[in-house]
Protein backbone atom coordinates (compact mmCIF):
# COMPACT_ATOMS: atom_id res chain seq x y z
CA MET A 1 -9.48 25.74 -25.24
CA ARG A 2 -7.85 25.68 -21.83
CA ARG A 3 -8.87 29.27 -21.13
CA CYS A 4 -12.45 29.17 -22.20
CA LEU A 5 -14.36 25.98 -23.02
CA GLN A 6 -17.73 26.21 -24.70
CA ARG A 7 -20.06 23.35 -23.69
CA SER A 8 -21.01 22.68 -27.31
CA ASP A 9 -20.86 19.58 -29.45
CA ALA A 10 -17.81 21.04 -31.18
CA GLY A 11 -16.17 21.74 -27.83
CA ARG A 12 -16.77 18.21 -26.61
CA ALA A 13 -15.47 16.78 -29.87
CA ALA A 14 -12.27 18.79 -29.47
CA LEU A 15 -11.89 17.59 -25.92
CA ARG A 16 -12.29 13.98 -26.97
CA ALA A 17 -9.73 14.41 -29.72
CA GLU A 18 -7.26 15.74 -27.15
CA ALA A 19 -8.16 12.82 -24.87
CA THR A 20 -5.86 10.50 -26.82
CA ARG A 21 -3.06 11.97 -24.69
CA LEU A 22 -4.68 11.37 -21.33
CA PRO A 23 -5.50 7.83 -20.18
CA GLY A 24 -2.59 5.72 -19.11
CA ARG A 25 -0.04 8.28 -17.88
CA TRP A 26 -1.47 8.85 -14.40
CA TRP A 27 -2.15 5.14 -14.03
CA ASN A 28 1.57 4.40 -14.36
CA LEU A 29 2.32 6.32 -11.17
CA LEU A 30 -0.68 4.97 -9.30
CA PHE A 31 0.16 1.42 -10.36
CA ALA A 32 3.74 1.64 -9.11
CA ILE A 33 2.72 3.23 -5.81
CA VAL A 34 0.25 0.55 -4.85
CA LEU A 35 2.41 -2.37 -5.89
CA VAL A 36 5.44 -1.12 -3.97
CA SER A 37 3.36 -0.57 -0.84
CA GLY A 38 3.74 -4.16 0.33
CA ALA A 39 1.13 -4.35 3.11
CA ALA A 40 -1.97 -6.52 2.81
CA ARG A 41 -5.17 -4.56 2.30
CA ALA A 42 -8.58 -5.21 3.85
CA GLY A 43 -10.18 -8.27 2.30
CA GLU A 44 -6.75 -9.83 1.79
CA ALA A 45 -6.11 -10.86 5.37
CA GLU A 46 -3.49 -13.52 5.80
CA ALA A 47 -4.95 -16.86 6.84
CA ASP A 48 -4.46 -20.60 6.24
CA PRO A 49 -4.46 -21.65 3.30
CA LEU A 50 -3.12 -18.32 2.06
CA ALA A 51 -0.28 -18.08 4.57
CA GLY A 52 2.11 -19.87 2.24
CA ALA A 53 1.15 -17.68 -0.70
CA TRP A 54 1.69 -14.51 1.35
CA THR A 55 5.09 -15.78 2.50
CA LEU A 56 6.12 -16.34 -1.12
CA TYR A 57 4.84 -12.89 -2.02
CA ARG A 58 6.83 -11.17 0.74
CA GLU A 59 9.94 -13.11 -0.31
CA GLY A 60 9.52 -11.84 -3.87
CA ALA A 61 8.58 -15.17 -5.49
CA MET A 62 5.67 -13.66 -7.40
CA THR A 63 4.93 -16.42 -9.91
CA ALA A 64 4.93 -19.06 -7.17
CA ALA A 65 2.83 -16.81 -4.92
CA ALA A 66 0.23 -16.33 -7.64
CA ALA A 67 0.04 -20.07 -8.31
CA ALA A 68 -0.33 -20.87 -4.60
CA ALA A 69 -2.99 -18.17 -4.20
CA ARG A 70 -5.00 -19.58 -7.11
CA ARG A 71 -4.85 -23.05 -5.57
CA ALA A 72 -6.25 -21.59 -2.37
CA ASP A 73 -9.24 -20.39 -4.42
CA GLY A 74 -11.80 -17.96 -3.08
CA ALA A 75 -11.85 -14.20 -3.57
CA ASP A 76 -8.92 -13.59 -1.21
CA GLY A 77 -6.74 -16.03 -3.12
CA LEU A 78 -7.70 -14.63 -6.50
CA ALA A 79 -7.06 -11.05 -5.37
CA LEU A 80 -3.60 -12.02 -4.14
CA ALA A 81 -2.95 -13.90 -7.40
CA ALA A 82 -3.83 -10.75 -9.33
CA ARG A 83 -1.54 -8.65 -7.17
CA ALA A 84 1.45 -10.98 -7.45
CA THR A 85 0.97 -11.36 -11.20
CA LEU A 86 0.89 -7.59 -11.66
CA VAL A 87 4.15 -7.22 -9.73
CA GLU A 88 5.73 -9.87 -11.96
CA ALA A 89 4.46 -8.10 -15.08
CA LEU A 90 5.69 -4.68 -13.98
CA TYR A 91 9.07 -5.47 -12.49
CA ARG A 92 10.37 -8.74 -13.90
CA ALA A 93 8.73 -10.00 -17.06
CA PRO A 94 10.27 -9.42 -20.50
CA ALA A 95 8.30 -7.04 -22.68
CA ALA A 96 6.82 -9.82 -24.79
CA ALA A 97 5.26 -11.48 -21.74
CA ARG A 98 3.79 -8.43 -20.02
CA GLN A 99 0.42 -8.18 -21.72
CA GLY A 100 -0.35 -11.84 -21.15
CA LEU A 101 0.46 -11.49 -17.46
CA VAL A 102 -1.61 -8.33 -17.11
CA GLU A 103 -4.56 -10.01 -18.79
CA ARG A 104 -4.15 -12.99 -16.43
CA ALA A 105 -4.17 -10.62 -13.46
CA LEU A 106 -7.22 -8.83 -14.81
CA GLY A 107 -8.98 -12.19 -15.11
CA ASP A 108 -8.03 -13.10 -11.55
CA ALA A 109 -9.37 -9.80 -10.21
CA ARG A 110 -12.63 -10.09 -12.16
CA ALA A 111 -13.04 -13.67 -10.94
CA ALA A 112 -12.52 -12.48 -7.36
CA LEU A 113 -15.24 -9.87 -7.78
CA ALA A 114 -17.54 -12.44 -9.38
CA GLN A 115 -17.24 -14.51 -6.20
CA ALA A 116 -17.34 -11.56 -3.79
CA PRO A 117 -18.67 -8.38 -5.42
CA ASP A 118 -17.75 -6.28 -2.37
CA HIS A 119 -14.17 -7.50 -2.04
CA TYR A 120 -12.09 -4.40 -1.31
CA GLY A 121 -8.73 -5.75 -2.42
CA ALA A 122 -10.14 -7.09 -5.69
CA HIS A 123 -11.49 -3.64 -6.54
CA LEU A 124 -8.02 -2.16 -6.12
CA GLN A 125 -6.33 -4.93 -8.12
CA LEU A 126 -8.81 -4.72 -10.98
CA ALA A 127 -8.32 -0.96 -11.16
CA LEU A 128 -4.57 -1.46 -11.28
CA ALA A 129 -4.81 -4.19 -13.92
CA LEU A 130 -6.90 -1.90 -16.11
CA GLY A 131 -4.29 0.81 -15.70
CA ALA A 132 -1.50 -1.55 -16.67
CA LEU A 133 -3.47 -2.67 -19.72
CA ALA A 134 -4.02 0.97 -20.69
CA LYS A 135 -0.29 1.53 -20.56
CA LEU A 136 0.40 -1.48 -22.80
CA GLU A 137 -2.37 -0.87 -25.34
CA GLY A 138 -1.91 2.89 -25.62
CA PRO A 139 -4.01 5.91 -24.66
CA LEU A 140 -6.47 5.84 -27.56
CA SER A 141 -7.36 2.20 -27.01
CA ALA A 142 -7.63 2.81 -23.27
CA HIS A 143 -9.98 5.73 -23.82
CA LEU A 144 -12.18 3.90 -26.32
CA LYS A 145 -12.40 0.80 -24.13
CA GLY A 146 -13.26 2.83 -21.07
CA HIS A 147 -10.37 1.59 -18.93
CA ALA A 148 -9.83 4.97 -17.25
CA SER A 149 -13.51 5.45 -16.42
CA GLU A 150 -13.89 1.91 -15.11
CA GLY A 151 -10.78 2.34 -13.02
CA ARG A 152 -12.17 5.52 -11.47
CA ALA A 153 -15.45 3.74 -10.69
CA LEU A 154 -13.57 0.88 -9.03
CA LEU A 155 -11.64 3.29 -6.84
CA GLU A 156 -14.83 5.09 -5.86
CA ARG A 157 -16.39 1.77 -4.89
CA ALA A 158 -13.25 0.80 -2.97
CA ARG A 159 -13.65 4.05 -1.08
CA GLN A 160 -17.13 2.95 0.02
CA LEU A 161 -15.88 -0.51 1.03
CA ALA A 162 -12.77 0.59 2.89
CA PRO A 163 -12.56 0.01 6.63
CA PRO A 164 -12.68 3.09 8.85
CA ASP A 165 -9.58 5.30 8.73
CA ASP A 166 -8.03 3.38 5.81
CA PRO A 167 -6.20 6.12 3.84
CA TRP A 168 -5.74 4.24 0.58
CA PRO A 169 -8.92 5.05 -1.34
CA ASP A 170 -8.64 8.79 -0.61
CA GLY A 171 -4.94 8.81 -1.37
CA LEU A 172 -5.26 6.96 -4.65
CA LEU A 173 -8.16 9.12 -5.76
CA GLY A 174 -6.17 12.23 -4.89
CA ILE A 175 -3.31 11.02 -7.08
CA TRP A 176 -5.80 10.08 -9.80
CA HIS A 177 -7.22 13.61 -9.90
CA LEU A 178 -3.83 15.35 -9.98
CA GLN A 179 -2.37 13.06 -12.63
CA ALA A 180 -5.48 13.34 -14.81
CA VAL A 181 -5.24 17.13 -14.82
CA HIS A 182 -1.48 17.07 -15.38
CA ALA A 183 -1.68 14.65 -18.30
CA GLY A 184 -4.28 16.62 -20.24
CA SER A 185 -5.72 19.95 -19.21
CA PRO A 186 -8.10 21.12 -16.49
CA ALA A 187 -10.97 21.37 -18.99
CA LEU A 188 -10.30 17.96 -20.54
CA ALA A 189 -9.90 16.18 -17.22
CA LEU A 190 -13.09 17.72 -15.88
CA GLU A 191 -15.11 17.04 -19.04
CA LEU A 192 -14.08 13.42 -19.52
CA TYR A 193 -13.50 12.13 -16.00
CA GLY A 194 -14.78 14.67 -13.51
CA ALA A 195 -11.22 15.23 -12.30
CA SER A 196 -9.91 18.46 -10.81
CA ALA A 197 -6.76 19.68 -9.11
CA ALA A 198 -8.79 21.08 -6.21
CA GLN A 199 -10.27 17.68 -5.40
CA GLY A 200 -6.91 15.98 -5.74
CA LEU A 201 -5.15 18.43 -3.45
CA ALA A 202 -7.88 18.18 -0.82
CA LEU A 203 -7.67 14.38 -0.76
CA CYS A 204 -3.88 14.30 -0.68
CA ARG A 205 -3.68 16.84 2.12
CA ARG A 206 -6.24 14.89 4.11
CA VAL A 207 -4.11 11.74 3.84
CA ALA A 208 -0.93 13.58 4.89
CA ALA A 209 -2.71 14.95 7.97
CA LYS A 210 -4.56 11.80 9.02
CA ALA A 211 -2.10 9.07 7.97
CA PRO A 212 1.44 10.49 7.99
CA GLU A 213 2.80 6.93 8.07
CA ALA A 214 1.35 6.18 4.59
CA LEU A 215 4.63 6.91 2.85
CA ALA A 216 3.65 5.47 -0.55
CA LEU A 217 0.54 7.62 -0.79
CA ARG A 218 2.31 10.74 0.41
CA TYR A 219 5.07 10.14 -2.13
CA GLY A 220 2.57 9.77 -4.97
CA CYS A 221 0.78 12.94 -3.93
CA ALA A 222 4.02 14.91 -3.63
CA VAL A 223 5.28 13.83 -7.05
CA SER A 224 1.90 14.62 -8.60
CA MET A 225 1.94 18.12 -7.06
CA LEU A 226 5.46 18.73 -8.29
CA GLU A 227 4.58 17.68 -11.83
CA LEU A 228 1.30 19.55 -11.94
CA ASP A 229 2.47 22.97 -10.70
CA PRO A 230 6.16 23.25 -9.79
CA ALA A 231 5.92 26.99 -9.17
CA GLY A 232 2.75 27.00 -7.10
CA LEU A 233 3.02 23.64 -5.33
CA GLY A 234 6.74 22.95 -5.43
CA SER A 235 7.52 24.10 -1.89
CA GLU A 236 4.71 21.98 -0.42
CA ALA A 237 5.76 18.98 -2.49
CA LEU A 238 9.41 19.24 -1.47
CA ALA A 239 8.44 19.53 2.18
CA GLU A 240 6.41 16.33 1.82
CA LEU A 241 9.32 14.54 0.14
CA ALA A 242 11.68 15.66 2.90
CA ALA A 243 9.28 14.32 5.55
CA ILE A 244 8.93 11.01 3.71
CA ALA A 245 12.70 10.62 3.55
CA THR A 246 13.11 10.97 7.32
CA LEU A 247 10.09 9.15 8.78
CA PRO A 248 10.57 5.58 10.07
CA ALA A 249 10.22 2.97 7.32
CA ALA A 250 8.12 -0.07 8.14
CA ASP A 251 9.72 -2.41 5.62
CA ALA A 252 11.96 -2.71 2.56
CA ALA A 253 9.25 -1.35 0.28
CA GLU A 254 9.04 1.86 2.27
CA ARG A 255 12.81 2.18 2.20
CA LEU A 256 12.56 2.09 -1.60
CA ILE A 257 10.01 4.90 -1.43
CA GLN A 258 12.32 6.94 0.80
CA ALA A 259 15.18 6.46 -1.65
CA ALA A 260 12.93 7.65 -4.47
CA ALA A 261 11.97 10.71 -2.42
CA ARG A 262 15.62 11.59 -1.91
CA ARG A 263 16.30 11.22 -5.63
CA ARG A 264 13.43 13.59 -6.39
CA ILE A 265 14.77 16.17 -3.97
CA ASP A 266 18.25 15.87 -5.48
CA ALA A 267 16.87 16.23 -9.00
CA VAL A 268 15.02 19.41 -8.08
CA SER A 269 18.13 20.79 -6.38
CA ARG A 270 20.27 20.10 -9.44
CA SER A 271 17.77 21.70 -11.80
CA ALA A 272 17.70 24.85 -9.66
CA ARG A 273 21.44 25.42 -9.90
């Protein structure tokens, strides 16, 4: 099927059967990258009455930050509440509490978009909440409910809403393409989601050239390249990881990314011995 795909009903049925393996995996990487990035995005600008919520967020008090952001109300507050709740769900909550937190975050993000349909940050947070829900519910449920497709649409819309020179929409879409192809097959990813390695590589390379300081995005792209094609893209990916490990880090989150890059390099070195 991967060598030659007939565009027939039978071919599409086979692709959709194989699709149970696809949604969810690439979202896990994307989800972690964005949440560890730390910086406020457009549409989430710090301002009174959100200053206190942002302070709590930066200090790591995610539950308190989410509560303060909800009290502030408005799309900015709801988008921040979604973001903080997702961090709590991913990094701190016990397994039994995760789905409830993710669903709360999803509700916050949808409420933000209901108030401000063009809110950039809310588009990103809703896409991430859908990805987290896909991970919890499993790939078949995610595929049937359309979480992956909706997430892609949200990222495409975020790309349209992004301020000039903001690298995040292109970077996240690049990672999305590469992870979609890696998780299934080129034919499956193209048929179901319009994803391709060529598009992913072009977007990732554009981000590396135009925004070398975007360490989280460059890390996600490098890892995705390494997983997709170690033989063909490994040298490029390792060069990116080496650059990430040595560039100045803006904050603690970026230092975590640099540590992860070093671990990846070490792992590849050990496996080559």
